[in-house]
């Protein structure tokens, strides 16, 4: 019954920006943590950024200083602002949410359908 819907992906030139949105069916305040994963062709899915209840954030080394994760409880939405995009950022980006004491990305977390981000000149 929990649904996460991603949007905002698309084609952008290197150095450009995109903002991804993850809209939840319920209040994001009910989640212990939310995050963004990505999976490029032939690569494993990796955690890009996460935000825990209370506001603590995490970023993969590859995106530090370029990406920012944030949440808007009034809109039940988590965002990923992506700046200075590089071709290696090309991937399908997935939203993930964890409840109770379960970890982000665990088999008891919830996944969105994904949104394609392509960085190319």
Protein backbone atom coordinates (compact mmCIF):
# COMPACT_ATOMS: atom_id res chain seq x y z
CA UNK A 1 0.00 0.00 0.00
CA UNK A 2 3.02 2.28 0.28
CA UNK A 3 3.80 3.90 -3.05
CA UNK A 4 6.76 6.02 -4.10
CA UNK A 5 6.65 7.83 -7.44
CA UNK A 6 9.78 9.40 -8.93
CA UNK A 7 9.82 12.18 -11.48
CA UNK A 8 12.14 14.81 -12.89
CA UNK A 9 14.55 12.69 -14.89
CA UNK A 10 15.55 13.47 -18.42
CA UNK A 11 18.37 14.31 -20.80
CA UNK A 12 20.83 16.99 -19.77
CA UNK A 13 24.22 18.17 -21.01
CA UNK A 14 27.35 17.75 -18.87
CA UNK A 15 27.51 20.53 -16.30
CA UNK A 16 23.75 20.89 -16.25
CA UNK A 17 21.27 20.37 -13.43
CA UNK A 18 18.18 18.32 -12.69
CA UNK A 19 15.91 18.01 -9.68
CA UNK A 20 14.38 14.63 -8.97
CA UNK A 21 11.22 14.27 -6.89
CA UNK A 22 9.94 11.30 -4.92
CA UNK A 23 6.30 11.62 -3.91
CA UNK A 24 5.08 9.27 -1.19
CA UNK A 25 1.53 8.02 -0.73
CA UNK A 26 1.72 8.92 2.94
CA UNK A 27 3.53 11.38 5.13
CA UNK A 28 7.30 11.16 4.72
CA UNK A 29 7.47 11.86 8.44
CA UNK A 30 6.35 8.25 8.98
CA UNK A 31 9.57 6.96 7.39
CA UNK A 32 12.70 6.37 9.40
CA UNK A 33 14.84 7.33 6.41
CA UNK A 34 14.56 8.01 2.70
CA UNK A 35 17.17 7.96 0.01
CA UNK A 36 18.09 7.88 -3.64
CA UNK A 37 19.80 4.95 -5.33
CA UNK A 38 20.97 4.69 -8.91
CA UNK A 39 21.79 1.86 -11.25
CA UNK A 40 23.74 2.26 -14.47
CA UNK A 41 23.82 -0.42 -17.18
CA UNK A 42 26.06 -3.28 -16.11
CA UNK A 43 26.54 -1.80 -12.66
CA UNK A 44 25.19 -2.63 -9.22
CA UNK A 45 22.60 -0.40 -7.64
CA UNK A 46 24.32 2.10 -5.36
CA UNK A 47 23.19 4.52 -2.69
CA UNK A 48 23.64 8.10 -3.84
CA UNK A 49 22.17 10.10 -0.97
CA UNK A 50 19.94 9.61 2.04
CA UNK A 51 18.20 11.63 4.70
CA UNK A 52 17.12 10.34 8.09
CA UNK A 53 14.36 11.57 10.37
CA UNK A 54 15.98 14.48 12.12
CA UNK A 55 17.71 15.71 8.99
CA UNK A 56 21.03 13.86 9.02
CA UNK A 57 22.21 13.31 5.45
CA UNK A 58 24.63 11.01 3.66
CA UNK A 59 26.23 11.35 0.24
CA UNK A 60 28.31 8.99 -1.81
CA UNK A 61 31.81 10.30 -2.42
CA UNK A 62 31.12 10.48 -6.14
CA UNK A 63 28.37 13.08 -5.69
CA UNK A 64 29.52 15.07 -2.66
CA UNK A 65 29.41 18.78 -3.31
CA UNK A 66 27.21 18.33 -6.37
CA UNK A 67 23.99 16.67 -5.13
CA UNK A 68 21.68 17.74 -2.31
CA UNK A 69 18.88 15.68 -0.76
CA UNK A 70 16.00 17.40 1.00
CA UNK A 71 12.45 16.74 2.14
CA UNK A 72 9.19 18.66 2.21
CA UNK A 73 6.76 17.06 4.63
CA UNK A 74 3.91 19.35 3.56
CA UNK A 75 4.16 17.88 0.05
CA UNK A 76 5.11 14.35 1.17
CA UNK A 77 8.07 14.60 -1.16
CA UNK A 78 11.82 14.06 -1.06
CA UNK A 79 14.03 15.78 -3.61
CA UNK A 80 17.45 15.23 -5.10
CA UNK A 81 18.98 18.37 -6.54
CA UNK A 82 21.73 17.37 -8.97
CA UNK A 83 24.19 20.00 -10.14
CA UNK A 84 27.35 19.84 -12.25
CA UNK A 85 26.16 16.62 -13.80
CA UNK A 86 28.68 14.30 -15.41
CA UNK A 87 28.21 11.53 -18.00
CA UNK A 88 29.02 9.00 -15.27
CA UNK A 89 25.88 10.14 -13.43
CA UNK A 90 23.81 8.52 -16.17
CA UNK A 91 21.58 5.88 -14.56
CA UNK A 92 18.09 5.01 -13.49
CA UNK A 93 17.48 6.72 -10.17
CA UNK A 94 15.28 5.02 -7.58
CA UNK A 95 13.66 6.41 -4.46
CA UNK A 96 13.73 4.24 -1.35
CA UNK A 97 12.08 4.53 2.06
CA UNK A 98 12.51 2.61 5.28
CA UNK A 99 10.11 2.37 8.20
CA UNK A 100 10.40 1.31 11.83
CA UNK A 101 13.87 -0.06 12.60
CA UNK A 102 14.55 -1.37 9.09
CA UNK A 103 17.51 -0.09 7.16
CA UNK A 104 17.39 1.89 3.95
CA UNK A 105 17.64 -0.41 0.96
CA UNK A 106 16.80 -3.50 2.99
CA UNK A 107 14.39 -6.16 1.77
CA UNK A 108 11.72 -4.56 3.92
CA UNK A 109 12.11 -1.07 2.49
CA UNK A 110 9.95 0.41 -0.27
CA UNK A 111 11.06 1.25 -3.81
CA UNK A 112 9.80 3.57 -6.50
CA UNK A 113 9.70 2.62 -10.17
CA UNK A 114 12.71 4.71 -11.10
CA UNK A 115 13.38 7.67 -13.37
CA UNK A 116 16.01 7.82 -16.12
CA UNK A 117 18.76 10.43 -15.96
CA UNK A 118 20.97 10.74 -19.02
CA UNK A 119 23.94 13.12 -19.10
CA UNK A 120 25.31 13.48 -22.59
CA UNK A 121 26.56 16.13 -24.99
